[in-house]
Amino acid sequence: MNVTVDLEGRAVIVVGHQPATRRVETRYRAAGAFVEVMSAGRARVALAAARTPPHLLVWVDGRESQRADLAAVARSLGIWLTDEQPAADLPRGSVTLVGGGPGDLGLVTVAGRQALLEADVVLYDRLAPTETLEAWAPAAELIDVGKTPGHHATPQHEIERILVERALRGLAVVRLKGGDPFVFGRGGEEVIACRENRIPVTVVPGVTSAISVPAAAGIPVTHRDISRTFTVISGHAPLTESELTHLTGLDGTIVILMGAGTLVQTIAGLLQRGMRPGMPLAIVERGYSIHQRTTFSTVGEITSGLGRLGLRSPAVIVIGEVVRVASDDAAARGCVQDIVESLPVPSQ
C-alpha cells in the first residue's frame, strides 16, 4: 500500500548509520522535513525524552530486536513507523555521465533514467531535461552547474572537482547533460578527471541535437541521391579560415551547433570561399520544445532576415540540399509562419 504524506516542516527521525541512510536522508530533506539521523539506541533515548515526538520514524538498518522495540514505542506515542531500504555501502563511489537528449523527456534513455534513480548526487546544466528531475532522482542532492551563453555559472574545473570529491566520499554521482556527453559536452575532460583519481566512470550516450533537432523539423542529415555525408561543427567561436575552406568544399550536409552568435561571420566566410548563395539553409530553434521554430532560407539571404527573426539559443543550423526535403513539404502544407525566405530557389 502506498500512502502519500506531506512532510513539509515535519520532524523525522531516520534510524540507521551512514552511508546506509544517505539516500533516505536526502529524499526526506528534499520533501521539506526536518531530519535527524540516529542509531537505534540513540533514537530510543530521544523518543523517551522528547517533549514533542517526531511526526515520523524511518527505519533503515539495525538489529530486528531494536526495530521491534522502537515499533512498540512508536505505537505508544502515536508515531508512524515506516521502513526504507539502505543504500549500498560502497568503498568508492562512481561517476556516470548521462546524455539527456535534446530536451524532450521521452528521449532520455532507459539507462539514463536508471542512473538517475540510483544517484546520490546529480550535477545538471541548462540544456538537460530538468522538469521532473526531483522525481527521477528522488534521493539525490541536485546541483545546478548551468551554463548559459556567455556566462558559465560553474567553471569546468569546479564541476570536475565536485564530481571527484563526491565520488571519493563513496557516492553515486551523475553528470546530466543535454544531448550527448561526448558531442561538444566536455564529457571527455570529465572522464579524464575521474580516471586520474581512479574513480569508476560510465558514459550513457544521449540523443544528440546534431541529428535529432533537424529531424524534429523534418530535415534528414543524409538522404539518398542528395547527401551521403554530414559534418557537425561547433560555432561557439568563429570558424577558422581552414574550417571554412573545408566546409565549402564538402558535398554534403553541414550541421552547426552553438552557432547563433557567430552566424553572420560564418555565412560571410562561406560565401567568400565560394559557397553558392542559393544553398538552402535552415535554423531550428529550441528543438523538441513547445517553442520550436524552424526558419528556412538560403546562405545568400539569411543574414538580411536576422534582424526581424530575433534568433534565440539553443539553435541548430543546417546547410545543404537536404533542407529542401523539409522546406518543400512545409511550403506545400502552407506553414508560412515557419518560412522567412521561400524555398525552393533556382540552383546557382
Protein backbone atom coordinates (compact mmCIF):
# COMPACT_ATOMS: atom_id res chain seq x y z
CA MET A 1 0.00 0.00 0.00
CA ASN A 2 1.36 3.41 -0.97
CA VAL A 3 0.49 6.37 1.28
CA THR A 4 1.44 9.95 0.41
CA VAL A 5 2.32 12.13 3.40
CA ASP A 6 3.00 15.86 3.41
CA LEU A 7 6.38 16.18 5.15
CA GLU A 8 6.84 19.93 4.78
CA GLY A 9 8.04 21.28 8.14
CA ARG A 10 7.62 17.96 9.95
CA ALA A 11 10.17 16.31 12.24
CA VAL A 12 11.50 12.95 11.05
CA ILE A 13 13.96 10.60 12.75
CA VAL A 14 15.85 8.30 10.39
CA VAL A 15 17.24 5.26 12.17
CA GLY A 16 20.47 3.81 10.84
CA HIS A 17 24.09 4.57 10.10
CA GLN A 18 25.82 6.44 7.29
CA PRO A 19 26.26 5.73 4.46
CA ALA A 20 23.22 3.39 4.57
CA THR A 21 20.88 6.29 5.40
CA ARG A 22 22.24 8.82 2.88
CA ARG A 23 19.60 8.35 0.18
CA VAL A 24 16.70 8.37 2.64
CA GLU A 25 18.03 11.46 4.39
CA THR A 26 18.43 13.36 1.13
CA ARG A 27 14.98 12.42 -0.12
CA TYR A 28 13.17 13.38 3.08
CA ARG A 29 15.02 16.69 3.36
CA ALA A 30 14.06 17.43 -0.24
CA ALA A 31 10.42 16.88 0.77
CA GLY A 32 10.75 19.65 3.36
CA ALA A 33 11.17 17.55 6.51
CA PHE A 34 13.45 18.35 9.46
CA VAL A 35 15.57 15.20 9.53
CA GLU A 36 17.78 13.76 12.27
CA VAL A 37 19.78 10.59 11.62
CA MET A 38 20.33 8.41 14.71
CA SER A 39 21.36 4.94 15.68
CA ALA A 40 18.59 2.70 17.04
CA GLY A 41 19.86 3.12 20.61
CA ARG A 42 20.05 6.90 20.40
CA ALA A 43 16.60 7.07 18.76
CA ARG A 44 15.14 5.06 21.67
CA VAL A 45 16.59 7.55 24.18
CA ALA A 46 15.46 10.56 22.15
CA LEU A 47 11.88 9.29 21.92
CA ALA A 48 11.73 8.65 25.67
CA ALA A 49 12.96 12.17 26.44
CA ALA A 50 11.10 14.11 23.76
CA ARG A 51 8.51 16.62 24.86
CA THR A 52 7.24 16.79 21.32
CA PRO A 53 7.60 13.47 19.48
CA PRO A 54 8.61 13.47 15.80
CA HIS A 55 5.92 13.02 13.20
CA LEU A 56 7.59 10.05 11.54
CA LEU A 57 10.12 7.35 12.38
CA VAL A 58 12.00 5.83 9.42
CA TRP A 59 13.79 2.52 9.95
CA VAL A 60 16.76 1.91 7.63
CA ASP A 61 19.10 -0.53 9.36
CA GLY A 62 19.91 -2.14 12.70
CA ARG A 63 19.00 -5.29 14.62
CA GLU A 64 15.48 -6.69 14.34
CA SER A 65 15.11 -6.65 18.11
CA GLN A 66 15.84 -2.91 18.08
CA ARG A 67 13.24 -2.35 15.38
CA ALA A 68 10.63 -4.26 17.38
CA ASP A 69 11.40 -2.16 20.45
CA LEU A 70 11.14 1.11 18.50
CA ALA A 71 7.91 -0.06 16.88
CA ALA A 72 6.36 -0.57 20.33
CA VAL A 73 7.48 2.89 21.45
CA ALA A 74 6.17 4.45 18.25
CA ARG A 75 2.75 2.86 18.76
CA SER A 76 2.58 4.14 22.32
CA LEU A 77 3.39 7.68 21.17
CA GLY A 78 1.16 7.60 18.10
CA ILE A 79 4.10 7.96 15.71
CA TRP A 80 4.10 6.42 12.26
CA LEU A 81 6.91 3.97 11.56
CA THR A 82 7.98 3.12 8.02
CA ASP A 83 10.78 1.04 6.53
CA GLU A 84 13.24 2.16 3.84
CA GLN A 85 15.92 0.20 2.04
CA PRO A 86 19.52 1.09 2.98
CA ALA A 87 21.84 2.48 0.33
CA ALA A 88 24.72 0.33 -0.84
CA ASP A 89 27.88 0.68 1.23
CA LEU A 90 30.48 1.37 -1.44
CA PRO A 91 34.19 1.75 -0.57
CA ARG A 92 34.50 4.14 -3.50
CA GLY A 93 31.82 5.96 -5.40
CA SER A 94 31.30 6.24 -9.11
CA VAL A 95 30.51 8.80 -11.78
CA THR A 96 28.06 8.31 -14.62
CA LEU A 97 27.86 10.79 -17.48
CA VAL A 98 24.30 10.79 -18.80
CA GLY A 99 23.21 12.32 -22.08
CA GLY A 100 19.78 13.84 -21.59
CA GLY A 101 18.94 14.31 -25.27
CA PRO A 102 17.63 17.48 -26.89
CA GLY A 103 15.16 18.34 -24.13
CA ASP A 104 12.15 16.09 -24.70
CA LEU A 105 11.66 13.91 -21.60
CA GLY A 106 10.66 10.98 -23.78
CA LEU A 107 14.08 10.95 -25.44
CA VAL A 108 16.04 10.24 -22.26
CA THR A 109 17.30 6.66 -22.49
CA VAL A 110 16.25 3.86 -20.15
CA ALA A 111 19.86 3.57 -18.93
CA GLY A 112 19.92 7.30 -18.22
CA ARG A 113 16.71 7.10 -16.18
CA GLN A 114 18.09 4.17 -14.18
CA ALA A 115 21.32 6.04 -13.40
CA LEU A 116 19.31 8.99 -12.09
CA LEU A 117 17.14 6.72 -9.95
CA GLU A 118 20.24 5.29 -8.26
CA ALA A 119 22.09 8.62 -7.93
CA ASP A 120 23.18 10.20 -4.66
CA VAL A 121 24.25 13.41 -6.40
CA VAL A 122 23.21 14.91 -9.76
CA LEU A 123 25.07 17.78 -11.43
CA TYR A 124 22.90 19.21 -14.21
CA ASP A 125 23.03 22.10 -16.63
CA ARG A 126 20.74 24.40 -18.59
CA LEU A 127 20.16 22.14 -21.61
CA ALA A 128 19.47 18.98 -19.63
CA PRO A 129 15.84 17.86 -19.11
CA THR A 130 15.16 19.02 -15.57
CA GLU A 131 11.36 19.35 -15.30
CA THR A 132 10.99 16.02 -13.49
CA LEU A 133 14.48 15.72 -12.07
CA GLU A 134 13.32 15.62 -8.44
CA ALA A 135 11.05 12.68 -9.25
CA TRP A 136 13.60 10.89 -11.44
CA ALA A 137 16.39 11.26 -8.84
CA PRO A 138 14.37 11.16 -5.59
CA ALA A 139 17.29 10.53 -3.25
CA ALA A 140 19.85 12.78 -4.88
CA GLU A 141 21.45 16.07 -3.97
CA LEU A 142 20.75 18.26 -7.01
CA ILE A 143 23.48 20.72 -8.02
CA ASP A 144 22.84 23.27 -10.76
CA VAL A 145 26.06 23.92 -12.68
CA GLY A 146 24.15 25.53 -15.51
CA LYS A 147 25.95 27.30 -18.29
CA THR A 148 24.29 29.98 -20.35
CA PRO A 149 25.64 31.65 -23.50
CA GLY A 150 28.48 33.98 -22.46
CA HIS A 151 28.21 33.05 -18.79
CA HIS A 152 29.47 29.91 -17.07
CA ALA A 153 27.80 29.69 -13.67
CA THR A 154 30.26 27.00 -12.56
CA PRO A 155 33.70 26.78 -14.20
CA GLN A 156 34.56 23.44 -15.77
CA HIS A 157 37.40 22.76 -13.33
CA GLU A 158 34.98 23.27 -10.43
CA ILE A 159 32.48 20.82 -11.96
CA GLU A 160 35.25 18.24 -12.21
CA ARG A 161 36.30 18.93 -8.61
CA ILE A 162 32.75 18.34 -7.36
CA LEU A 163 32.44 15.11 -9.35
CA VAL A 164 35.66 13.77 -7.89
CA GLU A 165 35.04 14.99 -4.32
CA ARG A 166 31.55 13.45 -4.11
CA ALA A 167 32.67 10.18 -5.67
CA LEU A 168 35.61 9.87 -3.26
CA ARG A 169 33.07 10.09 -0.45
CA GLY A 170 31.55 6.87 -1.77
CA LEU A 171 28.59 8.48 -3.52
CA ALA A 172 26.99 7.58 -6.83
CA VAL A 173 27.34 10.76 -8.91
CA VAL A 174 25.54 11.54 -12.16
CA ARG A 175 26.58 14.32 -14.51
CA LEU A 176 23.45 15.08 -16.55
CA LYS A 177 23.98 16.93 -19.81
CA GLY A 178 21.86 17.95 -22.74
CA GLY A 179 22.36 15.99 -25.96
CA ASP A 180 25.24 13.51 -25.83
CA PRO A 181 28.10 13.85 -23.30
CA PHE A 182 30.76 13.39 -25.99
CA VAL A 183 29.35 15.80 -28.60
CA PHE A 184 30.66 19.23 -27.56
CA GLY A 185 29.72 18.37 -23.98
CA ARG A 186 33.22 18.31 -22.45
CA GLY A 187 32.47 14.82 -21.28
CA GLY A 188 35.94 13.67 -22.29
CA GLU A 189 37.51 16.10 -19.83
CA GLU A 190 35.30 14.83 -17.01
CA VAL A 191 36.16 11.20 -17.80
CA ILE A 192 39.88 12.05 -17.65
CA ALA A 193 39.43 13.78 -14.27
CA CYS A 194 37.73 10.67 -12.88
CA ARG A 195 40.31 8.26 -14.25
CA GLU A 196 43.15 10.35 -12.83
CA ASN A 197 41.57 9.83 -9.41
CA ARG A 198 40.85 6.13 -10.01
CA ILE A 199 37.10 6.67 -9.90
CA PRO A 200 34.94 4.24 -11.91
CA VAL A 201 33.21 6.18 -14.67
CA THR A 202 30.49 5.16 -17.12
CA VAL A 203 29.14 7.06 -20.11
CA VAL A 204 25.45 6.71 -21.02
CA PRO A 205 25.04 8.06 -24.57
CA GLY A 206 22.32 10.58 -25.31
CA VAL A 207 20.34 11.56 -28.39
CA THR A 208 22.48 14.31 -29.90
CA SER A 209 20.80 17.51 -31.07
CA ALA A 210 23.03 17.45 -34.15
CA ILE A 211 20.77 14.78 -35.65
CA SER A 212 17.57 14.89 -33.61
CA VAL A 213 16.80 18.61 -33.82
CA PRO A 214 17.00 18.71 -37.64
CA ALA A 215 14.82 15.58 -37.58
CA ALA A 216 12.26 17.40 -35.43
CA ALA A 217 11.95 19.91 -38.28
CA GLY A 218 11.72 17.15 -40.89
CA ILE A 219 15.30 17.58 -42.12
CA PRO A 220 17.29 14.35 -42.66
CA VAL A 221 21.02 14.96 -42.35
CA THR A 222 21.55 12.33 -45.07
CA HIS A 223 19.24 11.49 -47.95
CA ARG A 224 19.59 9.13 -50.88
CA ASP A 225 20.83 10.87 -54.04
CA ILE A 226 21.16 14.18 -52.15
CA SER A 227 23.74 13.79 -49.36
CA ARG A 228 25.83 10.82 -48.28
CA THR A 229 27.80 12.71 -45.61
CA PHE A 230 27.23 15.19 -42.85
CA THR A 231 29.66 17.24 -40.80
CA VAL A 232 28.94 18.53 -37.29
CA ILE A 233 30.89 21.59 -36.17
CA SER A 234 30.78 23.91 -33.17
CA GLY A 235 30.02 27.55 -33.88
CA HIS A 236 30.79 28.59 -30.31
CA ALA A 237 33.78 30.56 -31.62
CA PRO A 238 34.21 31.99 -35.15
CA LEU A 239 35.35 29.31 -37.59
CA THR A 240 38.92 29.41 -38.82
CA GLU A 241 39.88 30.02 -42.44
CA SER A 242 40.85 26.37 -42.78
CA GLU A 243 37.50 25.19 -41.38
CA LEU A 244 35.54 27.50 -43.68
CA THR A 245 37.53 26.37 -46.71
CA HIS A 246 36.96 22.69 -45.98
CA LEU A 247 33.26 23.17 -45.22
CA THR A 248 32.76 24.98 -48.51
CA GLY A 249 34.34 22.11 -50.39
CA LEU A 250 32.20 19.40 -48.80
CA ASP A 251 29.50 17.87 -50.94
CA GLY A 252 27.24 17.06 -48.02
CA THR A 253 25.29 18.44 -45.09
CA ILE A 254 26.74 20.90 -42.57
CA VAL A 255 25.27 20.99 -39.06
CA ILE A 256 26.38 23.82 -36.80
CA LEU A 257 25.76 23.67 -33.06
CA MET A 258 26.04 26.68 -30.74
CA GLY A 259 26.37 28.88 -33.83
CA ALA A 260 23.68 31.53 -33.38
CA GLY A 261 26.11 34.14 -32.07
CA THR A 262 28.62 33.66 -34.90
CA LEU A 263 26.17 33.03 -37.75
CA VAL A 264 26.87 36.29 -39.59
CA GLN A 265 30.63 35.65 -39.61
CA THR A 266 30.11 32.02 -40.63
CA ILE A 267 27.89 32.89 -43.57
CA ALA A 268 30.24 35.65 -44.75
CA GLY A 269 33.17 33.25 -44.59
CA LEU A 270 31.39 30.52 -46.54
CA LEU A 271 30.34 32.95 -49.27
CA GLN A 272 33.85 34.37 -49.54
CA ARG A 273 35.18 30.87 -50.07
CA GLY A 274 32.80 30.04 -52.88
CA MET A 275 29.64 28.58 -51.41
CA ARG A 276 26.79 29.45 -53.76
CA PRO A 277 24.27 31.93 -52.36
CA GLY A 278 21.37 29.67 -53.28
CA MET A 279 22.48 26.86 -50.97
CA PRO A 280 19.48 26.00 -48.72
CA LEU A 281 19.80 26.77 -45.03
CA ALA A 282 17.56 26.13 -42.04
CA ILE A 283 17.67 27.28 -38.43
CA VAL A 284 15.83 25.17 -35.85
CA GLU A 285 15.41 26.98 -32.54
CA ARG A 286 14.55 25.28 -29.24
CA GLY A 287 14.04 21.90 -30.90
CA TYR A 288 11.58 19.48 -29.30
CA SER A 289 10.04 22.16 -27.12
CA ILE A 290 6.64 23.81 -27.43
CA HIS A 291 8.55 26.90 -28.64
CA GLN A 292 10.26 25.14 -31.53
CA ARG A 293 10.60 27.35 -34.59
CA THR A 294 12.12 26.49 -37.96
CA THR A 295 13.30 29.14 -40.38
CA PHE A 296 14.02 28.18 -43.99
CA SER A 297 16.23 30.41 -46.12
CA THR A 298 19.42 30.32 -48.16
CA VAL A 299 23.05 31.12 -47.44
CA GLY A 300 22.75 34.28 -49.51
CA GLU A 301 19.54 35.57 -47.93
CA ILE A 302 19.56 34.55 -44.27
CA THR A 303 21.60 37.47 -42.89
CA SER A 304 19.17 40.03 -44.30
CA GLY A 305 16.36 38.42 -42.30
CA LEU A 306 18.14 38.02 -38.98
CA GLY A 307 17.04 41.41 -37.67
CA ARG A 308 13.35 40.60 -37.79
CA LEU A 309 13.91 36.95 -36.85
CA GLY A 310 15.12 37.60 -33.30
CA LEU A 311 17.18 34.41 -33.23
CA ARG A 312 17.37 32.70 -29.84
CA SER A 313 19.55 29.91 -28.48
CA PRO A 314 19.70 26.98 -28.43
CA ALA A 315 19.59 26.78 -32.20
CA VAL A 316 20.84 24.23 -34.72
CA ILE A 317 21.84 25.48 -38.17
CA VAL A 318 21.66 23.12 -41.14
CA ILE A 319 23.21 23.93 -44.52
CA GLY A 320 22.78 21.71 -47.55
CA GLU A 321 20.39 20.38 -50.16
CA VAL A 322 18.71 18.13 -47.58
CA VAL A 323 16.99 21.26 -46.24
CA ARG A 324 14.76 21.19 -49.32
CA VAL A 325 13.24 17.90 -48.18
CA ALA A 326 11.62 19.71 -45.26
CA SER A 327 11.17 23.17 -46.78
CA ASP A 328 9.29 21.88 -49.82
CA ASP A 329 6.98 19.94 -47.53
CA ALA A 330 6.44 22.98 -45.28
CA ALA A 331 5.62 25.15 -48.27
CA ALA A 332 3.18 22.55 -49.59
CA ARG A 333 1.40 22.49 -46.23
CA GLY A 334 1.26 26.27 -46.08
CA CYS A 335 3.45 26.61 -42.99
CA VAL A 336 4.35 30.19 -43.89
CA GLN A 337 4.89 31.09 -40.24
CA ASP A 338 8.00 28.93 -40.33
CA ILE A 339 9.39 30.29 -43.60
CA VAL A 340 11.40 33.50 -43.77
CA GLU A 341 12.66 33.11 -47.30
CA SER A 342 10.51 30.95 -49.56
CA LEU A 343 12.07 27.80 -50.98
CA PRO A 344 12.82 26.19 -53.37
CA VAL A 345 15.09 28.67 -55.12
CA PRO A 346 16.72 28.30 -58.53
CA SER A 347 20.05 26.47 -58.47
CA GLN A 348 23.02 28.70 -59.00
